[in-house]
């Protein structure tokens, strides 16, 4: 059930502060503000970066980013503001990205996800991502990651 009217658009440089706040709220080890800014400034043919906004407040409530290489996309981050989680926003962002990647001719999408992040794993499986490997001690805190893949 969607709590609010959500719109998805390409990221803009003025989104930096809001994205950084969502990043800090969601990840044990988060990207620096400078690294997020670097990603925002990359060209569209190198990365896809979208934000979900609450249509009423125009505030950013989630984002998704992937990098592109040949016919493969690598999803690096998908995050939704805590108060907006479990409202379908992550699904909307992922669906939007996957549709865009198909139009671009991308054939494969890959990602890593913490083994403990059951909500994210469930989301990715819902979109037919398949676990193909366990990356032992992948994260800086020593947690393993699941390596997942989806063919488009």
N, C-alpha and C. Protein backbone atom coordinates (compact mmCIF):
# COMPACT_ATOMS: atom_id res chain seq x y z
N UNK A 1 0.84 -1.18 0.00
CA UNK A 1 0.00 0.00 0.00
C UNK A 1 0.88 1.24 0.00
N UNK A 2 0.68 2.10 -0.97
CA UNK A 2 1.47 3.31 -1.09
C UNK A 2 0.89 4.40 -0.21
N UNK A 3 1.73 4.92 0.67
CA UNK A 3 1.32 5.94 1.63
C UNK A 3 1.10 7.29 0.95
N UNK A 4 1.92 7.60 -0.02
CA UNK A 4 1.93 8.93 -0.64
C UNK A 4 1.98 8.78 -2.16
N UNK A 5 1.74 9.90 -2.84
CA UNK A 5 1.91 9.96 -4.28
C UNK A 5 3.41 10.15 -4.55
N UNK A 6 4.03 9.19 -5.19
CA UNK A 6 5.48 9.18 -5.40
C UNK A 6 5.80 9.42 -6.87
N UNK A 7 6.78 10.26 -7.12
CA UNK A 7 7.27 10.50 -8.48
C UNK A 7 8.73 10.09 -8.54
N UNK A 8 9.15 9.58 -9.67
CA UNK A 8 10.55 9.18 -9.87
C UNK A 8 11.14 10.05 -10.97
N UNK A 9 12.35 10.54 -10.71
CA UNK A 9 13.04 11.39 -11.68
C UNK A 9 14.54 11.16 -11.58
N UNK A 10 15.26 11.69 -12.59
CA UNK A 10 16.72 11.64 -12.56
C UNK A 10 17.24 12.51 -11.42
N UNK A 11 18.35 12.09 -10.86
CA UNK A 11 18.98 12.84 -9.79
C UNK A 11 19.48 14.18 -10.29
N UNK A 12 19.51 15.16 -9.41
CA UNK A 12 20.08 16.48 -9.70
C UNK A 12 21.09 16.81 -8.60
N UNK A 13 22.02 17.70 -8.88
CA UNK A 13 23.06 18.04 -7.90
C UNK A 13 22.45 18.60 -6.61
N UNK A 14 21.34 19.31 -6.70
CA UNK A 14 20.73 19.88 -5.50
C UNK A 14 20.08 18.81 -4.60
N UNK A 15 20.07 17.54 -5.05
CA UNK A 15 19.54 16.43 -4.26
C UNK A 15 20.55 15.88 -3.26
N UNK A 16 21.78 16.34 -3.36
CA UNK A 16 22.90 15.75 -2.61
C UNK A 16 22.62 15.61 -1.11
N UNK A 17 22.22 16.68 -0.45
CA UNK A 17 22.05 16.63 1.00
C UNK A 17 20.98 15.62 1.43
N UNK A 18 19.87 15.60 0.73
CA UNK A 18 18.79 14.67 1.08
C UNK A 18 19.20 13.22 0.86
N UNK A 19 19.92 12.96 -0.23
CA UNK A 19 20.41 11.61 -0.51
C UNK A 19 21.38 11.17 0.58
N UNK A 20 22.26 12.07 0.96
CA UNK A 20 23.25 11.75 1.99
C UNK A 20 22.56 11.40 3.32
N UNK A 21 21.51 12.11 3.67
CA UNK A 21 20.78 11.81 4.90
C UNK A 21 20.14 10.41 4.84
N UNK A 22 19.56 10.06 3.70
CA UNK A 22 18.96 8.73 3.54
C UNK A 22 20.05 7.67 3.57
N UNK A 23 21.18 7.95 2.97
CA UNK A 23 22.34 7.04 2.96
C UNK A 23 22.77 6.73 4.41
N UNK A 24 22.95 7.77 5.20
CA UNK A 24 23.39 7.60 6.59
C UNK A 24 22.36 6.83 7.42
N UNK A 25 21.09 7.07 7.14
CA UNK A 25 20.01 6.43 7.88
C UNK A 25 19.92 4.92 7.59
N UNK A 26 20.37 4.50 6.40
CA UNK A 26 20.14 3.13 5.95
C UNK A 26 21.34 2.20 5.99
N UNK A 27 22.55 2.73 5.94
CA UNK A 27 23.71 1.85 5.79
C UNK A 27 24.68 1.97 6.94
N UNK A 28 25.15 0.81 7.42
CA UNK A 28 26.16 0.78 8.49
C UNK A 28 27.42 1.50 8.03
N UNK A 29 27.83 1.19 6.82
CA UNK A 29 29.00 1.84 6.21
C UNK A 29 28.46 2.60 5.01
N UNK A 30 28.40 3.91 5.13
CA UNK A 30 27.74 4.68 4.06
C UNK A 30 28.75 5.43 3.20
N UNK A 31 28.28 5.80 2.02
CA UNK A 31 29.09 6.60 1.11
C UNK A 31 29.29 7.99 1.70
N UNK A 32 30.42 8.59 1.39
CA UNK A 32 30.66 9.97 1.80
C UNK A 32 29.84 10.90 0.91
N UNK A 33 29.63 12.10 1.41
CA UNK A 33 28.92 13.11 0.63
C UNK A 33 29.66 13.38 -0.69
N UNK A 34 30.99 13.40 -0.61
CA UNK A 34 31.81 13.65 -1.81
C UNK A 34 31.63 12.56 -2.85
N UNK A 35 31.54 11.29 -2.38
CA UNK A 35 31.38 10.19 -3.33
C UNK A 35 29.98 10.21 -3.96
N UNK A 36 28.98 10.58 -3.19
CA UNK A 36 27.63 10.72 -3.75
C UNK A 36 27.63 11.83 -4.80
N UNK A 37 28.28 12.95 -4.48
CA UNK A 37 28.36 14.06 -5.43
C UNK A 37 29.06 13.61 -6.72
N UNK A 38 30.15 12.87 -6.58
CA UNK A 38 30.86 12.33 -7.74
C UNK A 38 29.91 11.51 -8.61
N UNK A 39 29.10 10.65 -7.98
CA UNK A 39 28.16 9.82 -8.73
C UNK A 39 27.07 10.64 -9.39
N UNK A 40 26.60 11.67 -8.73
CA UNK A 40 25.58 12.54 -9.33
C UNK A 40 26.12 13.19 -10.59
N UNK A 41 27.40 13.56 -10.57
CA UNK A 41 27.99 14.30 -11.68
C UNK A 41 28.45 13.42 -12.84
N UNK A 42 28.42 12.10 -12.68
CA UNK A 42 28.80 11.22 -13.78
C UNK A 42 27.77 11.32 -14.91
N UNK A 43 28.22 11.04 -16.12
CA UNK A 43 27.32 11.07 -17.28
C UNK A 43 26.35 9.90 -17.26
N UNK A 44 25.18 10.08 -17.88
CA UNK A 44 24.15 9.05 -17.91
C UNK A 44 24.61 7.76 -18.57
N UNK A 45 25.57 7.82 -19.49
CA UNK A 45 26.01 6.58 -20.14
C UNK A 45 26.94 5.77 -19.24
N UNK A 46 27.32 6.33 -18.10
CA UNK A 46 28.19 5.64 -17.13
C UNK A 46 27.35 5.11 -15.97
N UNK A 47 26.32 5.85 -15.59
CA UNK A 47 25.50 5.45 -14.46
C UNK A 47 24.06 5.87 -14.67
N UNK A 48 23.18 5.20 -13.93
CA UNK A 48 21.77 5.58 -13.83
C UNK A 48 21.53 5.89 -12.36
N UNK A 49 20.91 7.02 -12.09
CA UNK A 49 20.71 7.46 -10.70
C UNK A 49 19.36 8.15 -10.65
N UNK A 50 18.43 7.54 -9.91
CA UNK A 50 17.08 8.07 -9.82
C UNK A 50 16.68 8.31 -8.37
N UNK A 51 15.84 9.30 -8.16
CA UNK A 51 15.29 9.57 -6.85
C UNK A 51 13.77 9.44 -6.91
N UNK A 52 13.20 9.00 -5.79
CA UNK A 52 11.75 8.99 -5.61
C UNK A 52 11.42 10.17 -4.71
N UNK A 53 10.43 10.95 -5.13
CA UNK A 53 10.04 12.11 -4.32
C UNK A 53 8.58 12.00 -3.92
N UNK A 54 8.28 12.54 -2.76
CA UNK A 54 6.91 12.66 -2.30
C UNK A 54 6.31 13.84 -3.08
N UNK A 55 5.29 13.58 -3.87
CA UNK A 55 4.72 14.61 -4.74
C UNK A 55 4.15 15.80 -3.96
N UNK A 56 3.72 15.56 -2.73
CA UNK A 56 3.14 16.65 -1.93
C UNK A 56 4.22 17.57 -1.37
N UNK A 57 5.29 16.98 -0.86
CA UNK A 57 6.33 17.79 -0.20
C UNK A 57 7.54 18.06 -1.10
N UNK A 58 7.65 17.28 -2.18
CA UNK A 58 8.79 17.34 -3.10
C UNK A 58 10.09 16.88 -2.43
N UNK A 59 10.00 16.26 -1.26
CA UNK A 59 11.17 15.73 -0.56
C UNK A 59 11.56 14.37 -1.14
N UNK A 60 12.85 14.11 -1.16
CA UNK A 60 13.34 12.81 -1.63
C UNK A 60 13.08 11.77 -0.56
N UNK A 61 12.48 10.65 -0.97
CA UNK A 61 12.15 9.58 -0.02
C UNK A 61 12.90 8.29 -0.33
N UNK A 62 13.63 8.27 -1.45
CA UNK A 62 14.41 7.09 -1.80
C UNK A 62 15.23 7.34 -3.04
N UNK A 63 16.17 6.43 -3.30
CA UNK A 63 17.00 6.55 -4.50
C UNK A 63 17.57 5.19 -4.88
N UNK A 64 18.00 5.11 -6.13
CA UNK A 64 18.66 3.91 -6.64
C UNK A 64 19.76 4.35 -7.60
N UNK A 65 20.88 3.67 -7.52
CA UNK A 65 22.00 3.98 -8.41
C UNK A 65 22.64 2.70 -8.92
N UNK A 66 22.99 2.72 -10.20
CA UNK A 66 23.78 1.63 -10.77
C UNK A 66 24.81 2.22 -11.73
N UNK A 67 25.86 1.47 -11.93
CA UNK A 67 26.87 1.82 -12.92
C UNK A 67 26.73 0.88 -14.10
N UNK A 68 27.06 1.38 -15.28
CA UNK A 68 26.93 0.61 -16.51
C UNK A 68 28.30 0.26 -17.07
N UNK A 69 28.40 -0.96 -17.57
CA UNK A 69 29.62 -1.41 -18.22
C UNK A 69 29.23 -2.36 -19.34
N UNK A 70 29.42 -1.93 -20.57
CA UNK A 70 29.04 -2.72 -21.74
C UNK A 70 27.54 -3.05 -21.66
N UNK A 71 27.17 -4.29 -21.53
CA UNK A 71 25.76 -4.69 -21.48
C UNK A 71 25.33 -5.10 -20.07
N UNK A 72 26.13 -4.69 -19.07
CA UNK A 72 25.85 -5.06 -17.68
C UNK A 72 25.65 -3.82 -16.82
N UNK A 73 24.69 -3.90 -15.92
CA UNK A 73 24.47 -2.84 -14.92
C UNK A 73 24.75 -3.44 -13.55
N UNK A 74 25.40 -2.66 -12.70
CA UNK A 74 25.71 -3.08 -11.34
C UNK A 74 25.01 -2.13 -10.38
N UNK A 75 23.98 -2.64 -9.70
CA UNK A 75 23.27 -1.82 -8.73
C UNK A 75 24.14 -1.70 -7.48
N UNK A 76 24.41 -0.47 -7.08
CA UNK A 76 25.23 -0.24 -5.89
C UNK A 76 24.40 0.11 -4.67
N UNK A 77 23.40 0.94 -4.83
CA UNK A 77 22.60 1.34 -3.68
C UNK A 77 21.14 1.50 -4.06
N UNK A 78 20.30 1.04 -3.17
CA UNK A 78 18.86 1.26 -3.22
C UNK A 78 18.47 1.53 -1.77
N UNK A 79 17.94 2.71 -1.52
CA UNK A 79 17.58 3.06 -0.14
C UNK A 79 16.31 3.89 -0.12
N UNK A 80 15.53 3.67 0.93
CA UNK A 80 14.28 4.40 1.13
C UNK A 80 14.30 4.95 2.55
N UNK A 81 13.90 6.19 2.67
CA UNK A 81 13.80 6.83 3.99
C UNK A 81 12.99 5.94 4.92
N UNK A 82 13.46 5.79 6.16
CA UNK A 82 12.84 4.85 7.11
C UNK A 82 11.33 5.03 7.21
N UNK A 83 10.86 6.26 7.33
CA UNK A 83 9.43 6.49 7.52
C UNK A 83 8.59 6.14 6.28
N UNK A 84 9.24 5.91 5.15
CA UNK A 84 8.54 5.56 3.92
C UNK A 84 8.75 4.09 3.53
N UNK A 85 9.48 3.34 4.34
CA UNK A 85 9.72 1.94 4.01
C UNK A 85 8.44 1.14 4.14
N UNK A 86 8.39 0.02 3.42
CA UNK A 86 7.23 -0.88 3.38
C UNK A 86 6.01 -0.24 2.74
N UNK A 87 6.25 0.70 1.84
CA UNK A 87 5.16 1.35 1.09
C UNK A 87 5.28 1.10 -0.41
N UNK A 88 6.21 0.24 -0.82
CA UNK A 88 6.36 -0.07 -2.24
C UNK A 88 7.30 0.84 -3.00
N UNK A 89 7.99 1.73 -2.32
CA UNK A 89 8.86 2.69 -3.01
C UNK A 89 10.11 2.00 -3.57
N UNK A 90 10.69 1.08 -2.80
CA UNK A 90 11.84 0.33 -3.30
C UNK A 90 11.48 -0.44 -4.56
N UNK A 91 10.33 -1.06 -4.57
CA UNK A 91 9.86 -1.78 -5.76
C UNK A 91 9.67 -0.84 -6.94
N UNK A 92 9.08 0.32 -6.68
CA UNK A 92 8.87 1.30 -7.75
C UNK A 92 10.20 1.75 -8.35
N UNK A 93 11.17 2.04 -7.49
CA UNK A 93 12.50 2.48 -7.97
C UNK A 93 13.16 1.37 -8.78
N UNK A 94 13.12 0.15 -8.27
CA UNK A 94 13.77 -0.97 -8.96
C UNK A 94 13.09 -1.24 -10.30
N UNK A 95 11.78 -1.23 -10.32
CA UNK A 95 11.03 -1.45 -11.56
C UNK A 95 11.35 -0.36 -12.59
N UNK A 96 11.40 0.88 -12.15
CA UNK A 96 11.72 2.00 -13.03
C UNK A 96 13.11 1.84 -13.63
N UNK A 97 14.08 1.50 -12.78
CA UNK A 97 15.45 1.31 -13.25
C UNK A 97 15.53 0.16 -14.25
N UNK A 98 14.93 -0.98 -13.94
CA UNK A 98 15.01 -2.15 -14.82
C UNK A 98 14.39 -1.86 -16.18
N UNK A 99 13.29 -1.14 -16.20
CA UNK A 99 12.66 -0.77 -17.48
C UNK A 99 13.59 0.13 -18.30
N UNK A 100 14.22 1.08 -17.63
CA UNK A 100 15.16 1.98 -18.30
C UNK A 100 16.36 1.21 -18.84
N UNK A 101 16.87 0.28 -18.06
CA UNK A 101 18.03 -0.51 -18.49
C UNK A 101 17.70 -1.36 -19.71
N UNK A 102 16.48 -1.92 -19.74
CA UNK A 102 16.05 -2.70 -20.91
C UNK A 102 16.07 -1.83 -22.17
N UNK A 103 15.53 -0.61 -22.05
CA UNK A 103 15.50 0.31 -23.19
C UNK A 103 16.90 0.65 -23.67
N UNK A 104 17.85 0.68 -22.74
CA UNK A 104 19.25 1.00 -23.07
C UNK A 104 20.01 -0.19 -23.66
N UNK A 105 19.37 -1.36 -23.68
CA UNK A 105 20.03 -2.53 -24.23
C UNK A 105 20.89 -3.29 -23.24
N UNK A 106 20.74 -2.99 -21.96
CA UNK A 106 21.47 -3.73 -20.92
C UNK A 106 20.89 -5.14 -20.85
N UNK A 107 21.76 -6.14 -20.75
CA UNK A 107 21.32 -7.54 -20.76
C UNK A 107 21.34 -8.19 -19.38
N UNK A 108 22.22 -7.71 -18.49
CA UNK A 108 22.42 -8.35 -17.19
C UNK A 108 22.52 -7.29 -16.10
N UNK A 109 21.92 -7.58 -14.96
CA UNK A 109 22.01 -6.69 -13.80
C UNK A 109 22.55 -7.52 -12.64
N UNK A 110 23.55 -6.97 -11.94
CA UNK A 110 24.14 -7.66 -10.80
C UNK A 110 24.11 -6.75 -9.58
N UNK A 111 24.25 -7.35 -8.40
CA UNK A 111 24.31 -6.58 -7.17
C UNK A 111 24.85 -7.45 -6.04
N UNK A 112 25.28 -6.78 -4.97
CA UNK A 112 25.61 -7.47 -3.74
C UNK A 112 24.65 -6.96 -2.68
N UNK A 113 24.29 -7.84 -1.76
CA UNK A 113 23.41 -7.47 -0.66
C UNK A 113 23.87 -8.20 0.59
N UNK A 114 23.81 -7.51 1.73
CA UNK A 114 24.18 -8.15 3.00
C UNK A 114 23.31 -9.38 3.24
N UNK A 115 23.94 -10.47 3.70
CA UNK A 115 23.19 -11.70 3.98
C UNK A 115 22.12 -11.46 5.03
N UNK A 116 22.33 -10.48 5.91
CA UNK A 116 21.36 -10.21 6.97
C UNK A 116 20.20 -9.33 6.52
N UNK A 117 20.27 -8.77 5.32
CA UNK A 117 19.25 -7.83 4.86
C UNK A 117 18.10 -8.57 4.17
N UNK A 118 17.28 -9.21 4.99
CA UNK A 118 16.21 -10.06 4.45
C UNK A 118 15.18 -9.27 3.64
N UNK A 119 14.89 -8.04 4.04
CA UNK A 119 13.91 -7.23 3.28
C UNK A 119 14.41 -6.98 1.85
N UNK A 120 15.70 -6.64 1.73
CA UNK A 120 16.26 -6.38 0.40
C UNK A 120 16.33 -7.66 -0.42
N UNK A 121 16.73 -8.75 0.20
CA UNK A 121 16.82 -10.03 -0.52
C UNK A 121 15.44 -10.42 -1.05
N UNK A 122 14.42 -10.25 -0.22
CA UNK A 122 13.05 -10.54 -0.64
C UNK A 122 12.66 -9.68 -1.84
N UNK A 123 12.99 -8.40 -1.77
CA UNK A 123 12.67 -7.48 -2.88
C UNK A 123 13.34 -7.95 -4.17
N UNK A 124 14.63 -8.25 -4.10
CA UNK A 124 15.35 -8.65 -5.31
C UNK A 124 14.82 -9.97 -5.86
N UNK A 125 14.50 -10.90 -4.99
CA UNK A 125 13.94 -12.18 -5.46
C UNK A 125 12.58 -11.97 -6.11
N UNK A 126 11.81 -11.02 -5.59
CA UNK A 126 10.50 -10.68 -6.17
C UNK A 126 10.67 -10.23 -7.63
N UNK A 127 11.81 -9.63 -7.93
CA UNK A 127 12.11 -9.17 -9.29
C UNK A 127 12.98 -10.18 -10.05
N UNK A 128 13.00 -11.40 -9.57
CA UNK A 128 13.68 -12.52 -10.24
C UNK A 128 15.20 -12.43 -10.27
N UNK A 129 15.78 -11.75 -9.30
CA UNK A 129 17.23 -11.86 -9.12
C UNK A 129 17.51 -13.22 -8.49
N UNK A 130 18.63 -13.81 -8.88
CA UNK A 130 19.00 -15.14 -8.41
C UNK A 130 20.32 -15.05 -7.65
N UNK A 131 20.40 -15.72 -6.51
CA UNK A 131 21.66 -15.79 -5.75
C UNK A 131 22.61 -16.71 -6.50
N UNK A 132 23.82 -16.21 -6.80
CA UNK A 132 24.77 -17.08 -7.49
C UNK A 132 26.05 -17.31 -6.70
N UNK A 133 26.27 -16.53 -5.64
CA UNK A 133 27.49 -16.73 -4.87
C UNK A 133 27.36 -16.05 -3.51
N UNK A 134 28.17 -16.50 -2.58
CA UNK A 134 28.32 -15.82 -1.30
C UNK A 134 29.71 -15.20 -1.30
N UNK A 135 29.78 -13.91 -1.07
CA UNK A 135 31.07 -13.22 -1.03
C UNK A 135 31.44 -13.07 0.45
N UNK A 136 32.38 -13.92 0.88
CA UNK A 136 32.75 -14.00 2.28
C UNK A 136 33.45 -12.72 2.73
N UNK A 137 32.99 -12.19 3.88
CA UNK A 137 33.56 -10.98 4.48
C UNK A 137 33.66 -9.82 3.48
N UNK A 138 32.63 -9.67 2.68
CA UNK A 138 32.60 -8.66 1.63
C UNK A 138 32.58 -7.24 2.18
N UNK A 139 31.83 -7.04 3.26
CA UNK A 139 31.67 -5.69 3.81
C UNK A 139 32.77 -5.37 4.82
N UNK A 140 33.07 -4.08 4.99
CA UNK A 140 34.15 -3.68 5.90
C UNK A 140 34.00 -4.21 7.33
N UNK A 141 32.75 -4.46 7.75
CA UNK A 141 32.55 -4.99 9.10
C UNK A 141 32.63 -6.51 9.15
N UNK A 142 32.98 -7.13 8.02
CA UNK A 142 33.18 -8.58 7.98
C UNK A 142 31.97 -9.39 7.57
N UNK A 143 30.82 -8.73 7.36
CA UNK A 143 29.62 -9.48 6.97
C UNK A 143 29.73 -9.97 5.53
N UNK A 144 29.17 -11.16 5.31
CA UNK A 144 29.12 -11.74 3.97
C UNK A 144 28.06 -11.03 3.13
N UNK A 145 28.23 -11.13 1.81
CA UNK A 145 27.23 -10.61 0.88
C UNK A 145 26.74 -11.73 -0.02
N UNK A 146 25.52 -11.61 -0.46
CA UNK A 146 25.01 -12.47 -1.52
C UNK A 146 25.25 -11.72 -2.83
N UNK A 147 25.79 -12.43 -3.80
CA UNK A 147 25.95 -11.88 -5.14
C UNK A 147 24.77 -12.37 -5.95
N UNK A 148 23.99 -11.42 -6.49
CA UNK A 148 22.77 -11.77 -7.20
C UNK A 148 22.82 -11.25 -8.63
N UNK A 149 22.11 -11.93 -9.50
CA UNK A 149 22.12 -11.58 -10.92
C UNK A 149 20.70 -11.72 -11.49
N UNK A 150 20.44 -10.91 -12.50
CA UNK A 150 19.18 -10.98 -13.22
C UNK A 150 19.46 -10.71 -14.69
N UNK A 151 18.90 -11.56 -15.55
CA UNK A 151 18.98 -11.31 -16.99
C UNK A 151 17.75 -10.52 -17.40
N UNK A 152 17.98 -9.51 -18.25
CA UNK A 152 16.86 -8.68 -18.72
C UNK A 152 16.36 -9.19 -20.06
